[in-house]
């Protein structure tokens, strides 16, 4: 394993390693305005939500690594403590990237990137009409993390209004993860797209406490077939099945076929049972898979 001491790396090298490793990162497409009324629109991938009560997002227009200068977004926010966080999806990603161009102060990135300005209701900066979600924010605090190249400036933005396009909502009025078509930043020029075919769900840990991977037999924990993800699913079950439940499962056709075909062959029996359990885990049959591996 490569081990790096951050103090031995240049800011550019460190940025490269961190941006490739800490990914994907959501994109804050921030609209700001200065006291003279100059509008700025710029994307930042140092961004996330950090509180829901109060509703708080944080993004960081870091000092430029190459020359240690600050960005117009930060300068604007220090003058007018308001912003709009526009969420970026795939249909607007190329224009969003274009808006990151370092145009001179006073140049409107809405015009350069071809976006539509939409008046906000509570704050001065306009919204991006094309964005599927637009959040009007008041800046509560700016935290400067340093004066050196690459140093961050944390913008604590409290969300006051959220505007959501109806076409990305489901029948219950909630945002449909498959419809919003989000994108996120990776390292370098790389992005990723959240599409229906690469979405998957992970069951949240039980409030009643899962049994844990350590409750599984050693042979299951050390299985050459089951992955860490498979073990995580098994360990999230609320309790182990009873001996009677496990024994009754011997008569399930797929299980019985393996047991009958591997009499006297313990190694192949374990492998084939684990392979069957893996198939059932992929189908969401976690409780049944647990019984199989405990046979």
Protein backbone atom coordinates (compact mmCIF):
# COMPACT_ATOMS: atom_id res chain seq x y z
CA UNK A 1 0.00 0.00 0.00
CA UNK A 2 1.26 3.46 -0.91
CA UNK A 3 1.55 5.66 2.17
CA UNK A 4 1.95 9.42 1.73
CA UNK A 5 2.81 12.06 4.28
CA UNK A 6 0.73 15.10 3.34
CA UNK A 7 3.52 17.43 4.43
CA UNK A 8 5.73 15.96 1.69
CA UNK A 9 3.24 16.77 -1.09
CA UNK A 10 2.72 20.01 -2.96
CA UNK A 11 -0.80 21.53 -2.79
CA UNK A 12 -1.38 20.43 -6.39
CA UNK A 13 -0.33 16.84 -5.69
CA UNK A 14 -2.41 16.70 -2.53
CA UNK A 15 -5.45 18.11 -4.32
CA UNK A 16 -5.11 15.48 -7.03
CA UNK A 17 -4.97 12.54 -4.61
CA UNK A 18 -7.82 13.84 -2.46
CA UNK A 19 -10.17 14.74 -5.31
CA UNK A 20 -9.75 11.34 -6.93
CA UNK A 21 -10.22 9.48 -3.64
CA UNK A 22 -12.97 11.56 -2.02
CA UNK A 23 -15.62 11.12 -4.66
CA UNK A 24 -18.23 11.37 -5.96
CA UNK A 25 -18.94 14.86 -4.69
CA UNK A 26 -22.26 16.70 -5.21
CA UNK A 27 -22.03 20.00 -7.03
CA UNK A 28 -23.05 23.34 -5.55
CA UNK A 29 -23.87 25.62 -8.48
CA UNK A 30 -23.83 28.89 -6.57
CA UNK A 31 -25.32 32.21 -7.62
CA UNK A 32 -24.02 35.26 -5.79
CA UNK A 33 -24.12 39.04 -6.22
CA UNK A 34 -21.93 41.93 -5.07
CA UNK A 35 -23.03 45.32 -3.72
CA UNK A 36 -22.80 46.83 -7.20
CA UNK A 37 -25.23 44.24 -8.57
CA UNK A 38 -22.69 42.12 -10.48
CA UNK A 39 -23.93 38.54 -10.66
CA UNK A 40 -21.63 35.52 -10.47
CA UNK A 41 -22.47 31.88 -11.19
CA UNK A 42 -19.94 29.18 -10.39
CA UNK A 43 -19.85 25.44 -9.49
CA UNK A 44 -18.12 23.99 -6.43
CA UNK A 45 -17.71 20.32 -5.58
CA UNK A 46 -16.55 20.98 -2.02
CA UNK A 47 -20.20 20.88 -0.97
CA UNK A 48 -22.76 18.97 1.06
CA UNK A 49 -25.64 19.26 3.53
CA UNK A 50 -24.69 19.30 7.20
CA UNK A 51 -27.89 20.01 9.12
CA UNK A 52 -31.64 19.84 8.65
CA UNK A 53 -32.65 21.81 11.74
CA UNK A 54 -31.57 24.44 10.86
CA UNK A 55 -31.39 23.44 7.18
CA UNK A 56 -27.75 24.14 6.47
CA UNK A 57 -25.48 23.51 3.48
CA UNK A 58 -21.76 24.19 3.36
CA UNK A 59 -19.64 24.80 0.29
CA UNK A 60 -16.08 26.01 -0.04
CA UNK A 61 -14.69 28.33 -2.70
CA UNK A 62 -11.06 27.50 -1.92
CA UNK A 63 -8.15 29.79 -2.69
CA UNK A 64 -6.68 28.98 -6.09
CA UNK A 65 -3.79 26.54 -5.80
CA UNK A 66 -1.77 28.02 -8.65
CA UNK A 67 -1.65 31.67 -7.52
CA UNK A 68 -3.42 31.86 -4.12
CA UNK A 69 -6.10 34.26 -5.36
CA UNK A 70 -9.70 34.19 -4.12
CA UNK A 71 -12.81 33.60 -6.19
CA UNK A 72 -15.56 36.04 -7.07
CA UNK A 73 -18.09 33.87 -5.24
CA UNK A 74 -16.29 34.36 -1.94
CA UNK A 75 -15.76 38.08 -2.57
CA UNK A 76 -19.45 38.55 -3.38
CA UNK A 77 -20.64 36.67 -0.30
CA UNK A 78 -18.45 38.81 1.93
CA UNK A 79 -20.34 41.82 0.52
CA UNK A 80 -23.87 40.35 0.19
CA UNK A 81 -24.46 37.41 2.52
CA UNK A 82 -26.95 35.61 0.29
CA UNK A 83 -26.71 32.91 -2.38
CA UNK A 84 -28.72 30.42 -4.38
CA UNK A 85 -27.58 26.80 -4.51
CA UNK A 86 -28.72 25.33 -7.81
CA UNK A 87 -28.56 21.53 -8.06
CA UNK A 88 -26.87 20.23 -11.22
CA UNK A 89 -28.23 17.36 -13.29
CA UNK A 90 -27.03 15.73 -16.49
CA UNK A 91 -28.90 17.93 -19.02
CA UNK A 92 -27.00 21.00 -17.73
CA UNK A 93 -23.58 19.58 -16.81
CA UNK A 94 -21.65 20.88 -19.84
CA UNK A 95 -23.00 24.41 -19.39
CA UNK A 96 -22.22 24.19 -15.67
CA UNK A 97 -18.61 23.33 -16.46
CA UNK A 98 -18.45 26.28 -18.86
CA UNK A 99 -19.63 28.58 -16.07
CA UNK A 100 -16.51 27.63 -14.07
CA UNK A 101 -14.39 29.56 -16.57
CA UNK A 102 -12.55 32.37 -14.81
CA UNK A 103 -14.14 35.30 -16.58
CA UNK A 104 -13.23 38.81 -15.36
CA UNK A 105 -15.31 40.31 -12.57
CA UNK A 106 -18.53 41.81 -13.94
CA UNK A 107 -18.97 39.16 -16.64
CA UNK A 108 -22.26 37.34 -16.15
CA UNK A 109 -21.76 33.55 -16.35
CA UNK A 110 -25.49 33.10 -16.96
CA UNK A 111 -24.98 34.70 -20.36
CA UNK A 112 -21.66 33.00 -21.11
CA UNK A 113 -22.99 29.54 -20.25
CA UNK A 114 -26.43 30.08 -21.78
CA UNK A 115 -28.48 29.70 -18.61
CA UNK A 116 -31.73 31.50 -17.81
CA UNK A 117 -31.88 33.87 -14.84
CA UNK A 118 -34.97 33.40 -12.68
CA UNK A 119 -35.72 36.00 -9.98
CA UNK A 120 -35.50 34.70 -6.42
CA UNK A 121 -38.25 35.38 -3.92
CA UNK A 122 -36.27 36.09 -0.74
CA UNK A 123 -32.67 36.76 -1.77
CA UNK A 124 -30.98 39.06 -4.30
CA UNK A 125 -29.03 36.51 -6.41
CA UNK A 126 -31.13 34.94 -9.19
CA UNK A 127 -31.84 31.24 -9.62
CA UNK A 128 -30.85 29.02 -12.54
CA UNK A 129 -34.15 28.23 -14.25
CA UNK A 130 -32.76 25.02 -15.76
CA UNK A 131 -31.78 23.53 -12.39
CA UNK A 132 -34.16 20.82 -11.09
CA UNK A 133 -33.82 22.13 -7.53
CA UNK A 134 -32.99 25.69 -6.47
CA UNK A 135 -32.38 26.66 -2.84
CA UNK A 136 -32.45 30.29 -1.71
CA UNK A 137 -30.01 30.73 1.16
CA UNK A 138 -28.86 33.27 3.69
CA UNK A 139 -25.20 33.00 4.65
CA UNK A 140 -24.82 32.58 8.40
CA UNK A 141 -21.04 32.49 8.59
CA UNK A 142 -17.86 32.36 6.52
CA UNK A 143 -15.01 30.36 8.03
CA UNK A 144 -11.57 31.00 6.55
CA UNK A 145 -9.36 27.91 6.86
CA UNK A 146 -6.08 29.55 5.95
CA UNK A 147 -4.21 31.99 3.76
CA UNK A 148 -2.16 29.50 1.74
CA UNK A 149 -2.89 28.19 -1.78
CA UNK A 150 -5.74 25.67 -1.66
CA UNK A 151 -7.08 26.84 1.69
CA UNK A 152 -10.85 26.53 1.94
CA UNK A 153 -13.43 29.12 2.88
CA UNK A 154 -16.47 27.43 4.37
CA UNK A 155 -19.73 29.14 3.45
CA UNK A 156 -22.44 28.17 5.94
CA UNK A 157 -25.62 28.72 3.95
CA UNK A 158 -29.01 28.38 5.64
CA UNK A 159 -31.71 27.26 3.22
CA UNK A 160 -34.80 29.46 3.36
CA UNK A 161 -36.74 28.43 0.25
CA UNK A 162 -36.56 25.29 -1.90
CA UNK A 163 -37.93 25.29 -5.45
CA UNK A 164 -38.39 21.87 -7.07
CA UNK A 165 -39.45 21.09 -10.63
CA UNK A 166 -42.57 18.95 -10.57
CA UNK A 167 -41.34 16.59 -13.29
CA UNK A 168 -38.78 15.08 -10.89
CA UNK A 169 -41.37 14.28 -8.21
CA UNK A 170 -43.04 10.92 -7.63
CA UNK A 171 -46.74 10.34 -6.97
CA UNK A 172 -46.23 11.16 -3.29
CA UNK A 173 -44.68 14.53 -4.05
CA UNK A 174 -41.16 13.42 -3.09
CA UNK A 175 -38.07 13.71 -5.27
CA UNK A 176 -37.71 10.59 -7.40
CA UNK A 177 -34.05 9.58 -7.37
CA UNK A 178 -34.42 7.97 -10.80
CA UNK A 179 -35.92 11.10 -12.36
CA UNK A 180 -33.63 13.86 -11.13
CA UNK A 181 -30.66 12.53 -13.18
CA UNK A 182 -27.96 13.90 -10.87
CA UNK A 183 -24.28 14.23 -11.69
CA UNK A 184 -21.30 14.44 -9.36
CA UNK A 185 -17.63 15.35 -9.56
CA UNK A 186 -14.78 12.90 -9.42
CA UNK A 187 -11.07 13.63 -9.90
CA UNK A 188 -9.65 15.66 -12.76
CA UNK A 189 -12.09 15.96 -15.66
CA UNK A 190 -14.16 12.99 -14.49
CA UNK A 191 -17.84 13.13 -13.55
CA UNK A 192 -20.41 10.42 -12.83
CA UNK A 193 -24.12 10.24 -13.62
CA UNK A 194 -26.79 8.76 -11.36
CA UNK A 195 -28.97 6.73 -13.72
CA UNK A 196 -31.73 4.18 -12.92
CA UNK A 197 -29.57 1.25 -13.99
CA UNK A 198 -26.81 2.05 -11.48
CA UNK A 199 -29.09 2.87 -8.55
CA UNK A 200 -29.33 0.36 -5.71
CA UNK A 201 -30.72 0.35 -2.20
CA UNK A 202 -29.01 -0.60 1.06
CA UNK A 203 -31.34 -1.44 3.93
CA UNK A 204 -30.73 0.85 6.90
CA UNK A 205 -29.48 -0.89 10.05
CA UNK A 206 -32.33 -2.13 12.20
CA UNK A 207 -33.39 0.08 15.10
CA UNK A 208 -33.77 -3.19 17.04
CA UNK A 209 -30.08 -3.98 16.29
CA UNK A 210 -28.86 -6.43 13.70
CA UNK A 211 -27.10 -9.58 14.83
CA UNK A 212 -23.81 -8.41 13.33
CA UNK A 213 -21.33 -10.26 11.16
CA UNK A 214 -19.61 -11.56 14.31
CA UNK A 215 -22.73 -13.61 15.11
CA UNK A 216 -22.25 -15.67 11.94
CA UNK A 217 -20.29 -18.94 12.04
CA UNK A 218 -16.59 -18.67 11.21
CA UNK A 219 -17.09 -20.69 8.03
CA UNK A 220 -19.58 -18.11 6.81
CA UNK A 221 -17.41 -15.13 7.78
CA UNK A 222 -14.44 -16.69 5.95
CA UNK A 223 -16.45 -17.82 2.92
CA UNK A 224 -14.65 -17.70 -0.41
CA UNK A 225 -18.01 -17.12 -2.11
CA UNK A 226 -19.76 -14.51 0.02
CA UNK A 227 -18.51 -10.93 -0.21
CA UNK A 228 -18.36 -8.27 2.47
CA UNK A 229 -21.59 -6.85 1.10
CA UNK A 230 -23.23 -10.28 1.41
CA UNK A 231 -22.07 -10.60 5.02
CA UNK A 232 -23.34 -7.08 5.74
CA UNK A 233 -26.82 -8.08 4.60
CA UNK A 234 -26.79 -11.23 6.74
CA UNK A 235 -25.50 -9.31 9.75
CA UNK A 236 -28.36 -6.81 9.44
CA UNK A 237 -30.95 -9.49 10.28
CA UNK A 238 -32.71 -8.98 13.60
CA UNK A 239 -32.12 -12.49 14.94
CA UNK A 240 -30.81 -15.89 13.97
CA UNK A 241 -33.38 -18.45 12.82
CA UNK A 242 -34.22 -21.28 15.21
CA UNK A 243 -32.79 -24.76 14.77
CA UNK A 244 -36.23 -26.00 13.72
CA UNK A 245 -36.51 -23.28 11.05
CA UNK A 246 -33.06 -24.14 9.71
CA UNK A 247 -33.77 -27.88 9.71
CA UNK A 248 -37.09 -27.40 7.91
CA UNK A 249 -35.24 -25.55 5.15
CA UNK A 250 -33.47 -28.78 4.16
CA UNK A 251 -36.60 -29.76 2.23
CA UNK A 252 -36.63 -26.66 0.01
CA UNK A 253 -36.09 -28.10 -3.51
CA UNK A 254 -32.95 -26.10 -4.44
CA UNK A 255 -31.40 -26.79 -1.05
CA UNK A 256 -32.34 -30.48 -1.03
CA UNK A 257 -30.79 -30.93 -4.47
CA UNK A 258 -27.44 -29.62 -3.21
CA UNK A 259 -27.57 -31.66 -0.01
CA UNK A 260 -28.36 -34.87 -1.88
CA UNK A 261 -25.66 -34.28 -4.52
CA UNK A 262 -22.89 -33.53 -2.01
CA UNK A 263 -23.27 -36.32 0.54
CA UNK A 264 -19.80 -37.01 1.94
CA UNK A 265 -18.34 -33.93 0.19
CA UNK A 266 -18.33 -31.22 2.84
CA UNK A 267 -16.21 -28.72 0.92
CA UNK A 268 -18.34 -28.70 -2.22
CA UNK A 269 -21.51 -28.72 -0.12
CA UNK A 270 -20.46 -25.54 1.70
CA UNK A 271 -19.41 -23.82 -1.52
CA UNK A 272 -22.62 -24.68 -3.37
CA UNK A 273 -24.80 -23.66 -0.43
CA UNK A 274 -22.98 -20.34 -0.23
CA UNK A 275 -23.40 -19.84 -3.97
CA UNK A 276 -27.15 -20.45 -3.62
CA UNK A 277 -27.30 -18.10 -0.65
CA UNK A 278 -25.48 -15.45 -2.69
CA UNK A 279 -28.07 -15.76 -5.46
CA UNK A 280 -30.91 -15.36 -2.98
CA UNK A 281 -29.23 -12.39 -1.33
CA UNK A 282 -29.12 -10.71 -4.75
CA UNK A 283 -32.88 -11.31 -4.98
CA UNK A 284 -33.50 -9.77 -1.57
CA UNK A 285 -34.27 -13.09 0.16
CA UNK A 286 -32.00 -12.35 3.09
CA UNK A 287 -33.86 -14.37 5.72
CA UNK A 288 -33.85 -17.48 3.54
CA UNK A 289 -30.19 -16.96 2.62
CA UNK A 290 -29.33 -16.86 6.30
CA UNK A 291 -30.98 -20.23 6.83
CA UNK A 292 -29.01 -21.70 3.93
CA UNK A 293 -25.60 -20.66 5.25
CA UNK A 294 -26.48 -21.99 8.72
CA UNK A 295 -27.33 -25.50 7.49
